[in-house]
C-alpha atoms as a PDB file:
ATOM      1  CA  MET A   1     -19.450  76.818  72.999  1.00  0.00           C
ATOM      2  CA  PRO A   2     -17.856  74.425  75.530  1.00  0.00           C
ATOM      3  CA  ASN A   3     -14.808  75.541  77.500  1.00  0.00           C
ATOM      4  CA  GLY A   4     -12.543  73.010  75.770  1.00  0.00           C
ATOM      5  CA  VAL A   5     -13.412  74.498  72.394  1.00  0.00           C
ATOM      6  CA  ARG A   6     -12.908  78.024  73.764  1.00  0.00           C
ATOM      7  CA  LEU A   7      -9.446  77.039  74.992  1.00  0.00           C
ATOM      8  CA  PHE A   8      -8.657  75.597  71.575  1.00  0.00           C
ATOM      9  CA  VAL A   9      -9.797  78.777  69.807  1.00  0.00           C
ATOM     10  CA  ALA A  10      -7.575  80.869  72.104  1.00  0.00           C
ATOM     11  CA  TYR A  11      -4.671  78.495  71.429  1.00  0.00           C
ATOM     12  CA  ALA A  12      -5.199  78.732  67.656  1.00  0.00           C
ATOM     13  CA  VAL A  13      -5.253  82.541  67.824  1.00  0.00           C
ATOM     14  CA  VAL A  14      -1.903  82.435  69.668  1.00  0.00           C
ATOM     15  CA  VAL A  15      -0.497  80.107  66.981  1.00  0.00           C
ATOM     16  CA  LEU A  16      -1.655  82.545  64.284  1.00  0.00           C
ATOM     17  CA  ALA A  17      -0.054  85.447  66.159  1.00  0.00           C
ATOM     18  CA  LEU A  18       3.257  83.588  66.461  1.00  0.00           C
ATOM     19  CA  ILE A  19       3.209  82.801  62.750  1.00  0.00           C
ATOM     20  CA  GLY A  20       2.567  86.487  62.057  1.00  0.00           C
ATOM     21  CA  LEU A  21       5.525  87.484  64.214  1.00  0.00           C
ATOM     22  CA  ALA A  22       7.768  85.027  62.348  1.00  0.00           C
ATOM     23  CA  LEU A  23       6.741  86.200  58.861  1.00  0.00           C
ATOM     24  CA  PRO A  24       9.259  89.070  58.510  1.00  0.00           C
ATOM     25  CA  ASP A  25      12.159  86.655  59.026  1.00  0.00           C
ATOM     26  CA  ILE A  26      10.642  84.175  56.589  1.00  0.00           C
ATOM     27  CA  VAL A  27      10.222  86.880  53.962  1.00  0.00           C
ATOM     28  CA  GLY A  28      13.849  87.848  54.553  1.00  0.00           C
ATOM     29  CA  LEU A  29      14.882  84.276  53.809  1.00  0.00           C
ATOM     30  CA  ALA A  30      12.806  84.308  50.633  1.00  0.00           C
ATOM     31  CA  VAL A  31      14.979  87.096  49.235  1.00  0.00           C
ATOM     32  CA  GLU A  32      17.966  84.743  49.155  1.00  0.00           C
ATOM     33  CA  ALA A  33      16.137  81.575  48.069  1.00  0.00           C
ATOM     34  CA  PRO A  34      12.553  81.358  46.807  1.00  0.00           C
ATOM     35  CA  VAL A  35      11.819  78.087  48.629  1.00  0.00           C
ATOM     36  CA  THR A  36      13.108  77.496  52.158  1.00  0.00           C
ATOM     37  CA  GLY A  37      12.313  74.901  54.801  1.00  0.00           C
ATOM     38  CA  PRO A  38      11.126  77.405  57.407  1.00  0.00           C
ATOM     39  CA  GLY A  39       8.982  79.105  54.775  1.00  0.00           C
ATOM     40  CA  LEU A  40       7.312  75.847  53.785  1.00  0.00           C
ATOM     41  CA  VAL A  41       6.666  74.860  57.392  1.00  0.00           C
ATOM     42  CA  ALA A  42       5.246  78.286  58.264  1.00  0.00           C
ATOM     43  CA  MET A  43       2.937  78.373  55.239  1.00  0.00           C
ATOM     44  CA  LEU A  44       1.692  74.825  55.874  1.00  0.00           C
ATOM     45  CA  LEU A  45       1.051  75.629  59.535  1.00  0.00           C
ATOM     46  CA  LEU A  46      -0.707  78.854  58.572  1.00  0.00           C
ATOM     47  CA  ALA A  47      -2.976  77.086  56.075  1.00  0.00           C
ATOM     48  CA  TYR A  48      -3.710  74.218  58.490  1.00  0.00           C
ATOM     49  CA  THR A  49      -4.524  76.590  61.336  1.00  0.00           C
ATOM     50  CA  ILE A  50      -6.820  78.805  59.276  1.00  0.00           C
ATOM     51  CA  PHE A  51      -8.609  75.802  57.768  1.00  0.00           C
ATOM     52  CA  THR A  52      -9.078  74.209  61.193  1.00  0.00           C
ATOM     53  CA  MET A  53     -10.356  77.441  62.730  1.00  0.00           C
ATOM     54  CA  THR A  54     -12.828  77.873  59.890  1.00  0.00           C
ATOM     55  CA  LEU A  55     -14.237  74.374  60.432  1.00  0.00           C
ATOM     56  CA  VAL A  56     -14.323  74.775  64.228  1.00  0.00           C
ATOM     57  CA  LEU A  57     -16.313  77.997  63.974  1.00  0.00           C
ATOM     58  CA  GLN A  58     -18.707  76.267  61.552  1.00  0.00           C
ATOM     59  CA  ARG A  59     -19.076  73.340  64.007  1.00  0.00           C
ATOM     60  CA  LYS A  60     -18.180  70.779  61.336  1.00  0.00           C
ATOM     61  CA  ARG A  61     -17.660  67.192  62.440  1.00  0.00           C
ATOM     62  CA  ALA A  62     -14.254  66.985  60.716  1.00  0.00           C
ATOM     63  CA  ALA A  63     -13.021  69.912  62.814  1.00  0.00           C
ATOM     64  CA  TYR A  64     -12.715  67.736  65.915  1.00  0.00           C
ATOM     65  CA  TRP A  65      -9.826  65.633  64.604  1.00  0.00           C
ATOM     66  CA  LEU A  66      -8.176  68.626  62.954  1.00  0.00           C
ATOM     67  CA  ALA A  67      -8.328  70.452  66.301  1.00  0.00           C
ATOM     68  CA  VAL A  68      -6.757  67.486  68.066  1.00  0.00           C
ATOM     69  CA  GLY A  69      -4.032  67.447  65.405  1.00  0.00           C
ATOM     70  CA  LEU A  70      -3.291  71.136  65.862  1.00  0.00           C
ATOM     71  CA  SER A  71      -3.272  70.685  69.636  1.00  0.00           C
ATOM     72  CA  SER A  72      -0.644  67.966  69.265  1.00  0.00           C
ATOM     73  CA  LEU A  73       1.877  70.683  68.386  1.00  0.00           C
ATOM     74  CA  THR A  74       2.134  71.346  72.114  1.00  0.00           C
ATOM     75  CA  VAL A  75       3.879  68.001  72.691  1.00  0.00           C
ATOM     76  CA  PRO A  76       7.136  68.868  70.825  1.00  0.00           C
ATOM     77  CA  LEU A  77       7.010  72.305  72.459  1.00  0.00           C
ATOM     78  CA  VAL A  78       6.981  70.746  75.929  1.00  0.00           C
ATOM     79  CA  VAL A  79       9.856  68.416  75.036  1.00  0.00           C
ATOM     80  CA  ALA A  80      11.925  71.222  73.500  1.00  0.00           C
ATOM     81  CA  LEU A  81      11.427  73.515  76.489  1.00  0.00           C
ATOM     82  CA  TRP A  82      12.280  70.678  78.856  1.00  0.00           C
ATOM     83  CA  LEU A  83      15.499  69.856  76.978  1.00  0.00           C
ATOM     84  CA  LEU A  84      16.485  73.535  76.906  1.00  0.00           C
ATOM     85  CA  GLY A  85      16.175  73.668  80.679  1.00  0.00           C
ATOM     86  CA  ALA A  86      13.194  76.012  80.829  1.00  0.00           C
ATOM     87  CA  MET A  87      11.328  73.894  83.359  1.00  0.00           C
ATOM     88  CA  ALA A  88       8.762  76.542  84.340  1.00  0.00           C
ATOM     89  CA  ALA A  89       7.859  77.202  80.696  1.00  0.00           C
ATOM     90  CA  ALA A  90       7.760  73.454  80.003  1.00  0.00           C
ATOM     91  CA  LEU A  91       5.354  72.894  82.895  1.00  0.00           C
ATOM     92  CA  MET A  92       3.146  75.749  81.718  1.00  0.00           C
ATOM     93  CA  ALA A  93       3.116  74.360  78.161  1.00  0.00           C
ATOM     94  CA  ALA A  94       2.348  70.896  79.553  1.00  0.00           C
ATOM     95  CA  ALA A  95      -0.588  72.327  81.507  1.00  0.00           C
ATOM     96  CA  ILE A  96      -1.910  73.944  78.319  1.00  0.00           C
ATOM     97  CA  ALA A  97      -1.455  70.670  76.423  1.00  0.00           C
ATOM     98  CA  VAL A  98      -3.345  68.698  79.061  1.00  0.00           C
ATOM     99  CA  GLY A  99      -6.072  71.341  79.109  1.00  0.00           C
ATOM    100  CA  LEU A 100      -6.438  71.163  75.338  1.00  0.00           C
ATOM    101  CA  PHE A 101      -6.581  67.373  75.143  1.00  0.00           C
ATOM    102  CA  VAL A 102      -8.858  66.922  78.152  1.00  0.00           C
ATOM    103  CA  GLY A 103     -11.069  69.825  77.099  1.00  0.00           C
ATOM    104  CA  LEU A 104     -11.469  68.567  73.554  1.00  0.00           C
ATOM    105  CA  SER A 105     -12.143  64.977  74.643  1.00  0.00           C
ATOM    106  CA  ARG A 106     -15.095  65.874  76.884  1.00  0.00           C
ATOM    107  CA  PRO A 107     -18.507  64.788  75.621  1.00  0.00           C
ATOM    108  CA  SER A 108     -19.735  68.392  75.525  1.00  0.00           C
ATOM    109  CA  SER A 109     -16.852  69.381  73.249  1.00  0.00           C
ATOM    110  CA  ARG A 110     -17.278  66.346  71.013  1.00  0.00           C
ATOM    111  CA  GLY A 111     -21.009  67.057  70.821  1.00  0.00           C
ATOM    112  CA  TYR A 112     -20.304  70.642  69.753  1.00  0.00           C
ATOM    113  CA  PHE A 113     -19.120  69.413  66.345  1.00  0.00           C
ATOM    114  CA  THR A 114     -22.447  68.284  64.917  1.00  0.00           C
ATOM    115  CA  ASP A 115     -22.724  69.646  61.386  1.00  0.00           C
ATOM    116  CA  GLU A 116     -21.666  67.527  58.457  1.00  0.00           C
END
C-alpha cells in the first residue's frame, strides 16, 4: 500500500472517530425532533466514509475519486480554523490536506486502485 493511501486510511479512521464522538449529541437532538440537520449531515458523512473505506481496502478503481472527495473535507476545515484565529491548527490541517492530495495524486497511489 503506498504512503498516500496509508495517510488517507489514517485520515478516514480519524473522521470515523470524530463522528463517533459526536453521536451522543446527535442522538440527544433526535429526542426533540426525529430529523435534524446535524443528524442528516453526520449520517451522510458516516455512510460516505464507510463506503469509501470499503472500496479503498478492496482496491477498487472508483475508490480513488471517492477518496479525493473525502479528502476535500480538509479545505473547509482549514478555512474555518483560519477564520477562528487558530493559525497553528489551520497550518497543521493545511499540511494534512496537502499531504492527502499530493499523496493520492502520485502514480503509485493511482496505480494501487486497479480492480474494477
